[in-house]
PDB file of all heavy atoms in Angstrom:
ATOM      1  N   GLU A   1     135.472  75.027 123.672  1.00  0.00           N
ATOM      2  CA  GLU A   1     134.488  74.071 123.171  1.00  0.00           C
ATOM      3  C   GLU A   1     133.228  74.065 124.035  1.00  0.00           C
ATOM      4  O   GLU A   1     132.085  74.004 123.552  1.00  0.00           O
ATOM      5  CB  GLU A   1     135.101  72.678 123.104  1.00  0.00           C
ATOM      6  CG  GLU A   1     134.280  71.620 122.351  1.00  0.00           C
ATOM      7  CD  GLU A   1     133.141  71.008 123.228  1.00  0.00           C
ATOM      8  OE1 GLU A   1     133.355  70.852 124.455  1.00  0.00           O
ATOM      9  OE2 GLU A   1     132.080  70.698 122.672  1.00  0.00           O
ATOM     10  N   SER A   2     133.424  74.166 125.355  1.00  0.00           N
ATOM     11  CA  SER A   2     132.296  74.242 126.312  1.00  0.00           C
ATOM     12  C   SER A   2     131.443  75.457 126.021  1.00  0.00           C
ATOM     13  O   SER A   2     130.222  75.420 126.023  1.00  0.00           O
ATOM     14  CB  SER A   2     132.786  74.284 127.760  1.00  0.00           C
ATOM     15  OG  SER A   2     133.449  73.117 128.095  1.00  0.00           O
ATOM     16  N   LEU A   3     132.100  76.595 125.827  1.00  0.00           N
ATOM     17  CA  LEU A   3     131.329  77.863 125.651  1.00  0.00           C
ATOM     18  C   LEU A   3     130.478  77.877 124.411  1.00  0.00           C
ATOM     19  O   LEU A   3     129.422  78.521 124.397  1.00  0.00           O
ATOM     20  CB  LEU A   3     132.345  79.015 125.609  1.00  0.00           C
ATOM     21  CG  LEU A   3     132.951  79.501 126.906  1.00  0.00           C
ATOM     22  CD1 LEU A   3     133.975  80.602 126.728  1.00  0.00           C
ATOM     23  CD2 LEU A   3     131.832  79.991 127.900  1.00  0.00           C
ATOM     24  N   VAL A   4     130.937  77.250 123.314  1.00  0.00           N
ATOM     25  CA  VAL A   4     130.190  77.334 122.024  1.00  0.00           C
ATOM     26  C   VAL A   4     129.391  76.078 121.776  1.00  0.00           C
ATOM     27  O   VAL A   4     128.827  75.929 120.652  1.00  0.00           O
ATOM     28  CB  VAL A   4     131.207  77.590 120.845  1.00  0.00           C
ATOM     29  CG1 VAL A   4     131.992  78.861 121.090  1.00  0.00           C
ATOM     30  CG2 VAL A   4     132.101  76.392 120.608  1.00  0.00           C
ATOM     31  N   ARG A   5     129.268  75.200 122.744  1.00  0.00           N
ATOM     32  CA  ARG A   5     128.587  73.883 122.523  1.00  0.00           C
ATOM     33  C   ARG A   5     127.140  74.043 122.020  1.00  0.00           C
ATOM     34  O   ARG A   5     126.660  73.220 121.245  1.00  0.00           O
ATOM     35  CB  ARG A   5     128.627  73.102 123.783  1.00  0.00           C
ATOM     36  CG  ARG A   5     128.467  71.590 123.641  1.00  0.00           C
ATOM     37  CD  ARG A   5     128.735  70.889 124.950  1.00  0.00           C
ATOM     38  NE  ARG A   5     130.130  70.873 125.335  1.00  0.00           N
ATOM     39  CZ  ARG A   5     130.550  70.716 126.565  1.00  0.00           C
ATOM     40  NH1 ARG A   5     129.684  70.603 127.572  1.00  0.00           N
ATOM     41  NH2 ARG A   5     131.842  70.707 126.820  1.00  0.00           N
ATOM     42  N   GLU A   6     126.479  75.106 122.470  1.00  0.00           N
ATOM     43  CA  GLU A   6     125.058  75.284 122.157  1.00  0.00           C
ATOM     44  C   GLU A   6     124.839  75.847 120.765  1.00  0.00           C
ATOM     45  O   GLU A   6     123.827  75.553 120.129  1.00  0.00           O
ATOM     46  CB  GLU A   6     124.394  76.191 123.194  1.00  0.00           C
ATOM     47  CG  GLU A   6     124.358  75.628 124.588  1.00  0.00           C
ATOM     48  CD  GLU A   6     123.580  74.296 124.700  1.00  0.00           C
ATOM     49  OE1 GLU A   6     122.402  74.293 124.280  1.00  0.00           O
ATOM     50  OE2 GLU A   6     124.136  73.282 125.148  1.00  0.00           O
ATOM     51  N   HIS A   7     125.755  76.700 120.259  1.00  0.00           N
ATOM     52  CA  HIS A   7     125.469  77.379 119.005  1.00  0.00           C
ATOM     53  C   HIS A   7     126.597  77.188 117.953  1.00  0.00           C
ATOM     54  O   HIS A   7     126.326  77.383 116.745  1.00  0.00           O
ATOM     55  CB  HIS A   7     125.306  78.892 119.201  1.00  0.00           C
ATOM     56  CG  HIS A   7     126.417  79.544 119.965  1.00  0.00           C
ATOM     57  ND1 HIS A   7     127.677  79.716 119.444  1.00  0.00           N
ATOM     58  CD2 HIS A   7     126.462  80.098 121.215  1.00  0.00           C
ATOM     59  CE1 HIS A   7     128.464  80.344 120.318  1.00  0.00           C
ATOM     60  NE2 HIS A   7     127.749  80.559 121.410  1.00  0.00           N
ATOM     61  N   HIS A   8     127.767  76.778 118.315  1.00  0.00           N
ATOM     62  CA  HIS A   8     128.870  76.518 117.388  1.00  0.00           C
ATOM     63  C   HIS A   8     129.201  77.757 116.527  1.00  0.00           C
ATOM     64  O   HIS A   8     129.796  77.581 115.448  1.00  0.00           O
ATOM     65  CB  HIS A   8     128.573  75.323 116.508  1.00  0.00           C
ATOM     66  CG  HIS A   8     128.816  74.003 117.187  1.00  0.00           C
ATOM     67  ND1 HIS A   8     128.801  72.811 116.534  1.00  0.00           N
ATOM     68  CD2 HIS A   8     129.103  73.717 118.495  1.00  0.00           C
ATOM     69  CE1 HIS A   8     129.049  71.816 117.390  1.00  0.00           C
ATOM     70  NE2 HIS A   8     129.176  72.369 118.604  1.00  0.00           N
ATOM     71  N   ASN A   9     128.892  78.951 116.982  1.00  0.00           N
ATOM     72  CA  ASN A   9     129.309  80.165 116.239  1.00  0.00           C
ATOM     73  C   ASN A   9     130.698  80.509 116.661  1.00  0.00           C
ATOM     74  O   ASN A   9     130.955  81.422 117.416  1.00  0.00           O
ATOM     75  CB  ASN A   9     128.336  81.292 116.546  1.00  0.00           C
ATOM     76  CG  ASN A   9     126.979  81.125 115.906  1.00  0.00           C
ATOM     77  OD1 ASN A   9     126.849  80.463 114.882  1.00  0.00           O
ATOM     78  ND2 ASN A   9     125.946  81.676 116.520  1.00  0.00           N
ATOM     79  N   LEU A  10     131.645  79.684 116.159  1.00  0.00           N
ATOM     80  CA  LEU A  10     133.043  79.843 116.509  1.00  0.00           C
ATOM     81  C   LEU A  10     133.899  80.034 115.295  1.00  0.00           C
ATOM     82  O   LEU A  10     133.842  79.258 114.328  1.00  0.00           O
ATOM     83  CB  LEU A  10     133.509  78.539 117.249  1.00  0.00           C
ATOM     84  CG  LEU A  10     135.004  78.438 117.544  1.00  0.00           C
ATOM     85  CD1 LEU A  10     135.430  79.530 118.520  1.00  0.00           C
ATOM     86  CD2 LEU A  10     135.385  77.069 118.057  1.00  0.00           C
ATOM     87  N   CYS A  11     134.644  81.112 115.257  1.00  0.00           N
ATOM     88  CA  CYS A  11     135.595  81.385 114.176  1.00  0.00           C
ATOM     89  C   CYS A  11     137.002  81.375 114.734  1.00  0.00           C
ATOM     90  O   CYS A  11     137.357  82.149 115.655  1.00  0.00           O
ATOM     91  CB  CYS A  11     135.308  82.755 113.558  1.00  0.00           C
ATOM     92  SG  CYS A  11     136.531  83.223 112.286  1.00  0.00           S
ATOM     93  N   VAL A  12     137.803  80.450 114.262  1.00  0.00           N
ATOM     94  CA  VAL A  12     139.197  80.334 114.729  1.00  0.00           C
ATOM     95  C   VAL A  12     140.119  80.687 113.602  1.00  0.00           C
ATOM     96  O   VAL A  12     139.890  80.352 112.442  1.00  0.00           O
ATOM     97  CB  VAL A  12     139.550  78.949 115.327  1.00  0.00           C
ATOM     98  CG1 VAL A  12     138.614  78.607 116.449  1.00  0.00           C
ATOM     99  CG2 VAL A  12     139.535  77.884 114.240  1.00  0.00           C
ATOM    100  N   VAL A  13     141.150  81.436 113.925  1.00  0.00           N
ATOM    101  CA  VAL A  13     142.070  81.942 112.901  1.00  0.00           C
ATOM    102  C   VAL A  13     143.459  81.473 113.294  1.00  0.00           C
ATOM    103  O   VAL A  13     143.930  81.658 114.449  1.00  0.00           O
ATOM    104  CB  VAL A  13     142.068  83.446 112.751  1.00  0.00           C
ATOM    105  CG1 VAL A  13     143.014  83.930 111.674  1.00  0.00           C
ATOM    106  CG2 VAL A  13     140.679  83.952 112.519  1.00  0.00           C
ATOM    107  N   GLY A  14     144.192  80.833 112.366  1.00  0.00           N
ATOM    108  CA  GLY A  14     145.553  80.397 112.715  1.00  0.00           C
ATOM    109  C   GLY A  14     146.203  79.735 111.537  1.00  0.00           C
ATOM    110  O   GLY A  14     145.650  79.670 110.436  1.00  0.00           O
ATOM    111  N   ASP A  15     147.373  79.189 111.781  1.00  0.00           N
ATOM    112  CA  ASP A  15     148.135  78.525 110.724  1.00  0.00           C
ATOM    113  C   ASP A  15     148.859  77.311 111.330  1.00  0.00           C
ATOM    114  O   ASP A  15     149.817  77.501 112.106  1.00  0.00           O
ATOM    115  CB  ASP A  15     149.144  79.529 110.104  1.00  0.00           C
ATOM    116  CG  ASP A  15     149.963  78.930 108.992  1.00  0.00           C
ATOM    117  OD1 ASP A  15     149.600  77.835 108.509  1.00  0.00           O
ATOM    118  OD2 ASP A  15     150.923  79.587 108.515  1.00  0.00           O
ATOM    119  N   ASP A  16     148.439  76.139 110.961  1.00  0.00           N
ATOM    120  CA  ASP A  16     149.131  74.928 111.458  1.00  0.00           C
ATOM    121  C   ASP A  16     150.644  74.909 111.101  1.00  0.00           C
ATOM    122  O   ASP A  16     151.422  74.353 111.822  1.00  0.00           O
ATOM    123  CB  ASP A  16     148.478  73.678 110.987  1.00  0.00           C
ATOM    124  CG  ASP A  16     148.268  73.672 109.475  1.00  0.00           C
ATOM    125  OD1 ASP A  16     147.509  74.516 108.973  1.00  0.00           O
ATOM    126  OD2 ASP A  16     148.782  72.771 108.771  1.00  0.00           O
ATOM    127  N   ASP A  17     150.990  75.587 109.980  1.00  0.00           N
ATOM    128  CA  ASP A  17     152.382  75.604 109.587  1.00  0.00           C
ATOM    129  C   ASP A  17     153.243  76.511 110.496  1.00  0.00           C
ATOM    130  O   ASP A  17     154.448  76.509 110.358  1.00  0.00           O
ATOM    131  CB  ASP A  17     152.533  76.104 108.161  1.00  0.00           C
ATOM    132  CG  ASP A  17     151.990  75.073 107.121  1.00  0.00           C
ATOM    133  OD1 ASP A  17     152.011  73.877 107.458  1.00  0.00           O
ATOM    134  OD2 ASP A  17     151.587  75.497 106.046  1.00  0.00           O
ATOM    135  N   GLN A  18     152.563  77.261 111.368  1.00  0.00           N
ATOM    136  CA  GLN A  18     153.334  78.110 112.305  1.00  0.00           C
ATOM    137  C   GLN A  18     153.138  77.650 113.751  1.00  0.00           C
ATOM    138  O   GLN A  18     153.301  78.477 114.687  1.00  0.00           O
ATOM    139  CB  GLN A  18     152.929  79.591 112.126  1.00  0.00           C
ATOM    140  CG  GLN A  18     153.308  80.171 110.736  1.00  0.00           C
ATOM    141  CD  GLN A  18     153.043  81.625 110.644  1.00  0.00           C
ATOM    142  OE1 GLN A  18     153.785  82.479 111.217  1.00  0.00           O
ATOM    143  NE2 GLN A  18     152.019  81.982 109.889  1.00  0.00           N
ATOM    144  N   SER A  19     152.772  76.417 113.941  1.00  0.00           N
ATOM    145  CA  SER A  19     152.611  75.860 115.313  1.00  0.00           C
ATOM    146  C   SER A  19     153.997  75.465 115.813  1.00  0.00           C
ATOM    147  O   SER A  19     154.503  74.422 115.447  1.00  0.00           O
ATOM    148  CB  SER A  19     151.658  74.661 115.285  1.00  0.00           C
ATOM    149  OG  SER A  19     151.520  74.136 116.604  1.00  0.00           O
ATOM    150  N   ILE A  20     154.565  76.277 116.680  1.00  0.00           N
ATOM    151  CA  ILE A  20     155.981  76.053 117.120  1.00  0.00           C
ATOM    152  C   ILE A  20     156.153  76.034 118.669  1.00  0.00           C
ATOM    153  O   ILE A  20     157.240  76.138 119.149  1.00  0.00           O
ATOM    154  CB  ILE A  20     156.908  77.130 116.507  1.00  0.00           C
ATOM    155  CG1 ILE A  20     156.482  78.544 116.958  1.00  0.00           C
ATOM    156  CG2 ILE A  20     156.943  77.026 114.992  1.00  0.00           C
ATOM    157  CD1 ILE A  20     157.458  79.671 116.608  1.00  0.00           C
ATOM    158  N   TYR A  21     155.034  75.881 119.362  1.00  0.00           N
ATOM    159  CA  TYR A  21     155.128  75.935 120.809  1.00  0.00           C
ATOM    160  C   TYR A  21     154.732  74.613 121.495  1.00  0.00           C
ATOM    161  O   TYR A  21     154.197  74.621 122.602  1.00  0.00           O
ATOM    162  CB  TYR A  21     154.289  77.082 121.369  1.00  0.00           C
ATOM    163  CG  TYR A  21     154.791  78.437 120.939  1.00  0.00           C
ATOM    164  CD1 TYR A  21     154.012  79.269 120.099  1.00  0.00           C
ATOM    165  CD2 TYR A  21     156.003  78.926 121.376  1.00  0.00           C
ATOM    166  CE1 TYR A  21     154.463  80.547 119.736  1.00  0.00           C
ATOM    167  CE2 TYR A  21     156.485  80.165 120.935  1.00  0.00           C
ATOM    168  CZ  TYR A  21     155.697  80.963 120.156  1.00  0.00           C
ATOM    169  OH  TYR A  21     156.173  82.174 119.743  1.00  0.00           O
ATOM    170  N   GLY A  22     154.956  73.488 120.837  1.00  0.00           N
ATOM    171  CA  GLY A  22     154.654  72.201 121.451  1.00  0.00           C
ATOM    172  C   GLY A  22     155.318  72.026 122.778  1.00  0.00           C
ATOM    173  O   GLY A  22     154.755  71.409 123.680  1.00  0.00           O
ATOM    174  N   TRP A  23     156.511  72.558 122.906  1.00  0.00           N
ATOM    175  CA  TRP A  23     157.285  72.406 124.163  1.00  0.00           C
ATOM    176  C   TRP A  23     156.659  73.102 125.351  1.00  0.00           C
ATOM    177  O   TRP A  23     157.004  72.828 126.498  1.00  0.00           O
ATOM    178  CB  TRP A  23     158.724  72.920 123.948  1.00  0.00           C
ATOM    179  CG  TRP A  23     158.788  74.294 123.311  1.00  0.00           C
ATOM    180  CD1 TRP A  23     158.699  74.583 121.993  1.00  0.00           C
ATOM    181  CD2 TRP A  23     158.873  75.500 124.003  1.00  0.00           C
ATOM    182  NE1 TRP A  23     158.786  75.950 121.830  1.00  0.00           N
ATOM    183  CE2 TRP A  23     158.859  76.555 123.035  1.00  0.00           C
ATOM    184  CE3 TRP A  23     159.000  75.886 125.350  1.00  0.00           C
ATOM    185  CZ2 TRP A  23     159.008  77.921 123.325  1.00  0.00           C
ATOM    186  CZ3 TRP A  23     159.093  77.244 125.661  1.00  0.00           C
ATOM    187  CH2 TRP A  23     159.106  78.245 124.690  1.00  0.00           C
ATOM    188  N   ARG A  24     155.681  73.993 125.118  1.00  0.00           N
ATOM    189  CA  ARG A  24     155.003  74.611 126.252  1.00  0.00           C
ATOM    190  C   ARG A  24     153.520  74.269 126.266  1.00  0.00           C
ATOM    191  O   ARG A  24     152.771  74.979 126.852  1.00  0.00           O
ATOM    192  CB  ARG A  24     155.271  76.116 126.287  1.00  0.00           C
ATOM    193  CG  ARG A  24     154.633  76.953 125.293  1.00  0.00           C
ATOM    194  CD  ARG A  24     155.015  78.430 125.481  1.00  0.00           C
ATOM    195  NE  ARG A  24     154.245  79.304 124.630  1.00  0.00           N
ATOM    196  CZ  ARG A  24     154.643  80.521 124.256  1.00  0.00           C
ATOM    197  NH1 ARG A  24     155.838  80.965 124.695  1.00  0.00           N
ATOM    198  NH2 ARG A  24     153.910  81.253 123.473  1.00  0.00           N
ATOM    199  N   GLY A  25     153.182  73.182 125.650  1.00  0.00           N
ATOM    200  CA  GLY A  25     151.826  72.647 125.792  1.00  0.00           C
ATOM    201  C   GLY A  25     150.870  72.831 124.652  1.00  0.00           C
ATOM    202  O   GLY A  25     149.801  72.232 124.642  1.00  0.00           O
ATOM    203  N   ALA A  26     151.230  73.649 123.662  1.00  0.00           N
ATOM    204  CA  ALA A  26     150.385  73.880 122.493  1.00  0.00           C
ATOM    205  C   ALA A  26     150.243  72.586 121.685  1.00  0.00           C
ATOM    206  O   ALA A  26     151.194  71.804 121.569  1.00  0.00           O
ATOM    207  CB  ALA A  26     150.901  74.963 121.578  1.00  0.00           C
ATOM    208  N   GLU A  27     149.009  72.325 121.228  1.00  0.00           N
ATOM    209  CA  GLU A  27     148.749  71.059 120.463  1.00  0.00           C
ATOM    210  C   GLU A  27     148.231  71.396 119.084  1.00  0.00           C
ATOM    211  O   GLU A  27     147.098  71.855 118.975  1.00  0.00           O
ATOM    212  CB  GLU A  27     147.757  70.186 121.267  1.00  0.00           C
ATOM    213  CG  GLU A  27     148.293  69.752 122.605  1.00  0.00           C
ATOM    214  CD  GLU A  27     147.274  68.955 123.381  1.00  0.00           C
ATOM    215  OE1 GLU A  27     147.000  67.815 122.988  1.00  0.00           O
ATOM    216  OE2 GLU A  27     146.736  69.470 124.396  1.00  0.00           O
ATOM    217  N   VAL A  28     149.011  71.094 118.037  1.00  0.00           N
ATOM    218  CA  VAL A  28     148.639  71.417 116.698  1.00  0.00           C
ATOM    219  C   VAL A  28     147.393  70.589 116.276  1.00  0.00           C
ATOM    220  O   VAL A  28     146.706  71.022 115.351  1.00  0.00           O
ATOM    221  CB  VAL A  28     149.827  71.165 115.763  1.00  0.00           C
ATOM    222  CG1 VAL A  28     150.156  69.676 115.625  1.00  0.00           C
ATOM    223  CG2 VAL A  28     149.550  71.821 114.359  1.00  0.00           C
ATOM    224  N   LYS A  29     147.110  69.520 117.009  1.00  0.00           N
ATOM    225  CA  LYS A  29     145.967  68.661 116.629  1.00  0.00           C
ATOM    226  C   LYS A  29     144.674  69.401 116.688  1.00  0.00           C
ATOM    227  O   LYS A  29     143.687  69.036 115.996  1.00  0.00           O
ATOM    228  CB  LYS A  29     145.894  67.423 117.490  1.00  0.00           C
ATOM    229  CG  LYS A  29     145.541  67.677 118.957  1.00  0.00           C
ATOM    230  CD  LYS A  29     145.523  66.418 119.780  1.00  0.00           C
ATOM    231  CE  LYS A  29     145.130  66.656 121.213  1.00  0.00           C
ATOM    232  NZ  LYS A  29     145.108  65.446 122.048  1.00  0.00           N
ATOM    233  N   HIS A  30     144.578  70.473 117.500  1.00  0.00           N
ATOM    234  CA  HIS A  30     143.315  71.187 117.606  1.00  0.00           C
ATOM    235  C   HIS A  30     142.955  71.901 116.274  1.00  0.00           C
ATOM    236  O   HIS A  30     141.803  71.852 115.872  1.00  0.00           O
ATOM    237  CB  HIS A  30     143.369  72.229 118.719  1.00  0.00           C
ATOM    238  CG  HIS A  30     143.591  71.627 120.057  1.00  0.00           C
ATOM    239  ND1 HIS A  30     144.448  72.149 121.019  1.00  0.00           N
ATOM    240  CD2 HIS A  30     143.162  70.484 120.623  1.00  0.00           C
ATOM    241  CE1 HIS A  30     144.465  71.366 122.091  1.00  0.00           C
ATOM    242  NE2 HIS A  30     143.710  70.340 121.869  1.00  0.00           N
ATOM    243  N   ILE A  31     143.952  72.517 115.639  1.00  0.00           N
ATOM    244  CA  ILE A  31     143.620  73.172 114.349  1.00  0.00           C
ATOM    245  C   ILE A  31     143.547  72.136 113.221  1.00  0.00           C
ATOM    246  O   ILE A  31     142.753  72.320 112.326  1.00  0.00           O
ATOM    247  CB  ILE A  31     144.666  74.299 114.052  1.00  0.00           C
ATOM    248  CG1 ILE A  31     144.179  75.168 112.909  1.00  0.00           C
ATOM    249  CG2 ILE A  31     146.044  73.668 113.755  1.00  0.00           C
ATOM    250  CD1 ILE A  31     144.979  76.462 112.736  1.00  0.00           C
ATOM    251  N   LEU A  32     144.300  71.034 113.350  1.00  0.00           N
ATOM    252  CA  LEU A  32     144.239  70.002 112.283  1.00  0.00           C
ATOM    253  C   LEU A  32     142.887  69.280 112.370  1.00  0.00           C
ATOM    254  O   LEU A  32     142.350  68.877 111.337  1.00  0.00           O
ATOM    255  CB  LEU A  32     145.378  69.031 112.484  1.00  0.00           C
ATOM    256  CG  LEU A  32     146.796  69.536 112.205  1.00  0.00           C
ATOM    257  CD1 LEU A  32     147.813  68.462 112.450  1.00  0.00           C
ATOM    258  CD2 LEU A  32     146.926  70.042 110.750  1.00  0.00           C
ATOM    259  N   GLY A  33     142.352  69.098 113.568  1.00  0.00           N
ATOM    260  CA  GLY A  33     141.115  68.333 113.703  1.00  0.00           C
ATOM    261  C   GLY A  33     139.868  69.147 113.871  1.00  0.00           C
ATOM    262  O   GLY A  33     138.796  68.673 114.327  1.00  0.00           O
TER     263      GLY A  33
END
């Protein structure tokens, strides 16, 4: 978020339905929000 703050040219690719690493710190809220 810090790196793209000036231009917001950010493309993220993923699938919230395959978020399965909560136990090691991954947070599905980032893709949901």
